[in-house]
Amino acid sequence: MFSDMLRIFKLSSLTVLAVLVLSACGQKGPLYLPRPGEDPEQQR
């Protein structure tokens, strides 16, 4: 019984980790912080 719970916990943890990693694949935008006073929309 304990081993089943441990297996479910490991599988759930792996699933959550995979979702978090894959959700970052579609992020867009600059990979830096703009300088103060700059408008990021004008740089495109």
PDB file of N, CA and C in Angstrom:
ATOM      1  N   MET A   1       0.830  -1.195   0.000  1.00  0.00           N
ATOM      2  CA  MET A   1       0.000   0.000   0.000  1.00  0.00           C
ATOM      3  C   MET A   1       0.872   1.255   0.000  1.00  0.00           C
ATOM      4  N   PHE A   2       1.910   1.265   0.837  1.00  0.00           N
ATOM      5  CA  PHE A   2       2.788   2.426   0.889  1.00  0.00           C
ATOM      6  C   PHE A   2       3.519   2.619  -0.430  1.00  0.00           C
ATOM      7  N   SER A   3       3.930   1.520  -1.059  1.00  0.00           N
ATOM      8  CA  SER A   3       4.647   1.619  -2.330  1.00  0.00           C
ATOM      9  C   SER A   3       3.740   2.154  -3.433  1.00  0.00           C
ATOM     10  N   ASP A   4       2.448   1.835  -3.377  1.00  0.00           N
ATOM     11  CA  ASP A   4       1.505   2.382  -4.361  1.00  0.00           C
ATOM     12  C   ASP A   4       1.366   3.887  -4.200  1.00  0.00           C
ATOM     13  N   MET A   5       1.299   4.353  -2.963  1.00  0.00           N
ATOM     14  CA  MET A   5       1.189   5.783  -2.697  1.00  0.00           C
ATOM     15  C   MET A   5       2.458   6.509  -3.150  1.00  0.00           C
ATOM     16  N   LEU A   6       3.598   5.891  -2.912  1.00  0.00           N
ATOM     17  CA  LEU A   6       4.860   6.486  -3.327  1.00  0.00           C
ATOM     18  C   LEU A   6       4.945   6.562  -4.846  1.00  0.00           C
ATOM     19  N   ARG A   7       4.492   5.536  -5.525  1.00  0.00           N
ATOM     20  CA  ARG A   7       4.502   5.526  -6.991  1.00  0.00           C
ATOM     21  C   ARG A   7       3.580   6.610  -7.544  1.00  0.00           C
ATOM     22  N   ILE A   8       2.403   6.765  -6.954  1.00  0.00           N
ATOM     23  CA  ILE A   8       1.467   7.805  -7.388  1.00  0.00           C
ATOM     24  C   ILE A   8       2.062   9.188  -7.134  1.00  0.00           C
ATOM     25  N   PHE A   9       2.715   9.362  -5.995  1.00  0.00           N
ATOM     26  CA  PHE A   9       3.337  10.644  -5.683  1.00  0.00           C
ATOM     27  C   PHE A   9       4.439  10.977  -6.694  1.00  0.00           C
ATOM     28  N   LYS A  10       5.280   9.995  -7.019  1.00  0.00           N
ATOM     29  CA  LYS A  10       6.349  10.219  -7.988  1.00  0.00           C
ATOM     30  C   LYS A  10       5.788  10.552  -9.366  1.00  0.00           C
ATOM     31  N   LEU A  11       4.771   9.836  -9.792  1.00  0.00           N
ATOM     32  CA  LEU A  11       4.165  10.073 -11.094  1.00  0.00           C
ATOM     33  C   LEU A  11       3.504  11.449 -11.145  1.00  0.00           C
ATOM     34  N   SER A  12       2.836  11.831 -10.070  1.00  0.00           N
ATOM     35  CA  SER A  12       2.198  13.148 -10.010  1.00  0.00           C
ATOM     36  C   SER A  12       3.246  14.258 -10.047  1.00  0.00           C
ATOM     37  N   SER A  13       4.323  14.077  -9.303  1.00  0.00           N
ATOM     38  CA  SER A  13       5.389  15.078  -9.280  1.00  0.00           C
ATOM     39  C   SER A  13       6.029  15.229 -10.659  1.00  0.00           C
ATOM     40  N   LEU A  14       6.271  14.126 -11.320  1.00  0.00           N
ATOM     41  CA  LEU A  14       6.856  14.159 -12.653  1.00  0.00           C
ATOM     42  C   LEU A  14       5.917  14.836 -13.646  1.00  0.00           C
ATOM     43  N   THR A  15       4.632  14.572 -13.532  1.00  0.00           N
ATOM     44  CA  THR A  15       3.650  15.190 -14.422  1.00  0.00           C
ATOM     45  C   THR A  15       3.605  16.702 -14.221  1.00  0.00           C
ATOM     46  N   VAL A  16       3.589  17.138 -12.980  1.00  0.00           N
ATOM     47  CA  VAL A  16       3.571  18.580 -12.689  1.00  0.00           C
ATOM     48  C   VAL A  16       4.840  19.235 -13.206  1.00  0.00           C
ATOM     49  N   LEU A  17       5.979  18.610 -13.010  1.00  0.00           N
ATOM     50  CA  LEU A  17       7.240  19.156 -13.499  1.00  0.00           C
ATOM     51  C   LEU A  17       7.235  19.258 -15.020  1.00  0.00           C
ATOM     52  N   ALA A  18       6.745  18.246 -15.706  1.00  0.00           N
ATOM     53  CA  ALA A  18       6.686  18.268 -17.167  1.00  0.00           C
ATOM     54  C   ALA A  18       5.779  19.388 -17.669  1.00  0.00           C
ATOM     55  N   VAL A  19       4.653  19.589 -17.017  1.00  0.00           N
ATOM     56  CA  VAL A  19       3.729  20.655 -17.418  1.00  0.00           C
ATOM     57  C   VAL A  19       4.382  22.019 -17.230  1.00  0.00           C
ATOM     58  N   LEU A  20       5.079  22.214 -16.130  1.00  0.00           N
ATOM     59  CA  LEU A  20       5.743  23.496 -15.890  1.00  0.00           C
ATOM     60  C   LEU A  20       6.843  23.758 -16.908  1.00  0.00           C
ATOM     61  N   VAL A  21       7.618  22.752 -17.231  1.00  0.00           N
ATOM     62  CA  VAL A  21       8.704  22.922 -18.200  1.00  0.00           C
ATOM     63  C   VAL A  21       8.135  23.199 -19.586  1.00  0.00           C
ATOM     64  N   LEU A  22       7.133  22.451 -19.990  1.00  0.00           N
ATOM     65  CA  LEU A  22       6.573  22.624 -21.330  1.00  0.00           C
ATOM     66  C   LEU A  22       5.775  23.910 -21.475  1.00  0.00           C
ATOM     67  N   SER A  23       5.240  24.424 -20.400  1.00  0.00           N
ATOM     68  CA  SER A  23       4.453  25.665 -20.494  1.00  0.00           C
ATOM     69  C   SER A  23       5.344  26.870 -20.763  1.00  0.00           C
ATOM     70  N   ALA A  24       6.623  26.775 -20.461  1.00  0.00           N
ATOM     71  CA  ALA A  24       7.536  27.881 -20.701  1.00  0.00           C
ATOM     72  C   ALA A  24       7.998  27.935 -22.151  1.00  0.00           C
ATOM     73  N   CYS A  25       7.701  26.934 -22.945  1.00  0.00           N
ATOM     74  CA  CYS A  25       8.184  26.882 -24.331  1.00  0.00           C
ATOM     75  C   CYS A  25       7.555  27.964 -25.212  1.00  0.00           C
ATOM     76  N   GLY A  26       6.376  28.435 -24.881  1.00  0.00           N
ATOM     77  CA  GLY A  26       5.690  29.395 -25.731  1.00  0.00           C
ATOM     78  C   GLY A  26       5.866  30.842 -25.307  1.00  0.00           C
ATOM     79  N   GLN A  27       6.735  31.114 -24.362  1.00  0.00           N
ATOM     80  CA  GLN A  27       6.916  32.473 -23.894  1.00  0.00           C
ATOM     81  C   GLN A  27       7.573  33.324 -24.973  1.00  0.00           C
ATOM     82  N   LYS A  28       7.078  34.545 -25.142  1.00  0.00           N
ATOM     83  CA  LYS A  28       7.620  35.454 -26.148  1.00  0.00           C
ATOM     84  C   LYS A  28       8.014  36.755 -25.467  1.00  0.00           C
ATOM     85  N   GLY A  29       8.785  37.525 -26.165  1.00  0.00           N
ATOM     86  CA  GLY A  29       9.168  38.833 -25.658  1.00  0.00           C
ATOM     87  C   GLY A  29      10.649  38.919 -25.417  1.00  0.00           C
ATOM     88  N   PRO A  30      11.104  40.082 -24.989  1.00  0.00           N
ATOM     89  CA  PRO A  30      12.536  40.272 -24.776  1.00  0.00           C
ATOM     90  C   PRO A  30      13.047  39.408 -23.632  1.00  0.00           C
ATOM     91  N   LEU A  31      14.288  38.993 -23.750  1.00  0.00           N
ATOM     92  CA  LEU A  31      14.898  38.163 -22.724  1.00  0.00           C
ATOM     93  C   LEU A  31      15.745  38.990 -21.769  1.00  0.00           C
ATOM     94  N   TYR A  32      15.444  40.271 -21.661  1.00  0.00           N
ATOM     95  CA  TYR A  32      16.173  41.169 -20.776  1.00  0.00           C
ATOM     96  C   TYR A  32      15.191  42.180 -20.214  1.00  0.00           C
ATOM     97  N   LEU A  33      15.599  42.829 -19.154  1.00  0.00           N
ATOM     98  CA  LEU A  33      14.777  43.892 -18.587  1.00  0.00           C
ATOM     99  C   LEU A  33      15.095  45.193 -19.321  1.00  0.00           C
ATOM    100  N   PRO A  34      14.075  45.921 -19.783  1.00  0.00           N
ATOM    101  CA  PRO A  34      14.341  47.188 -20.469  1.00  0.00           C
ATOM    102  C   PRO A  34      14.916  48.217 -19.501  1.00  0.00           C
ATOM    103  N   ARG A  35      15.715  49.115 -20.051  1.00  0.00           N
ATOM    104  CA  ARG A  35      16.275  50.186 -19.221  1.00  0.00           C
ATOM    105  C   ARG A  35      15.158  51.114 -18.775  1.00  0.00           C
ATOM    106  N   PRO A  36      15.315  51.730 -17.618  1.00  0.00           N
ATOM    107  CA  PRO A  36      14.282  52.678 -17.154  1.00  0.00           C
ATOM    108  C   PRO A  36      14.123  53.815 -18.158  1.00  0.00           C
ATOM    109  N   GLY A  37      12.890  54.133 -18.478  1.00  0.00           N
ATOM    110  CA  GLY A  37      12.610  55.226 -19.393  1.00  0.00           C
ATOM    111  C   GLY A  37      12.443  54.770 -20.841  1.00  0.00           C
ATOM    112  N   GLU A  38      12.794  53.543 -21.163  1.00  0.00           N
ATOM    113  CA  GLU A  38      12.624  53.033 -22.521  1.00  0.00           C
ATOM    114  C   GLU A  38      11.240  52.417 -22.665  1.00  0.00           C
ATOM    115  N   ASP A  39      10.681  52.585 -23.841  1.00  0.00           N
ATOM    116  CA  ASP A  39       9.383  51.965 -24.141  1.00  0.00           C
ATOM    117  C   ASP A  39       9.650  50.686 -24.926  1.00  0.00           C
ATOM    118  N   PRO A  40       9.378  49.519 -24.357  1.00  0.00           N
ATOM    119  CA  PRO A  40       9.683  48.255 -25.044  1.00  0.00           C
ATOM    120  C   PRO A  40       8.946  48.100 -26.379  1.00  0.00           C
ATOM    121  N   GLU A  41       7.793  48.754 -26.543  1.00  0.00           N
ATOM    122  CA  GLU A  41       7.040  48.640 -27.782  1.00  0.00           C
ATOM    123  C   GLU A  41       7.736  49.343 -28.947  1.00  0.00           C
ATOM    124  N   GLN A  42       8.562  50.352 -28.677  1.00  0.00           N
ATOM    125  CA  GLN A  42       9.230  51.095 -29.742  1.00  0.00           C
ATOM    126  C   GLN A  42      10.436  50.353 -30.289  1.00  0.00           C
ATOM    127  N   GLN A  43      10.932  49.352 -29.607  1.00  0.00           N
ATOM    128  CA  GLN A  43      12.130  48.636 -30.033  1.00  0.00           C
ATOM    129  C   GLN A  43      11.832  47.576 -31.070  1.00  0.00           C
ATOM    130  N   ARG A  44      10.596  47.263 -31.319  1.00  0.00           N
ATOM    131  CA  ARG A  44      10.246  46.192 -32.257  1.00  0.00           C
ATOM    132  C   ARG A  44      10.331  46.633 -33.679  1.00  0.00           C
TER     133      ARG A  44
END
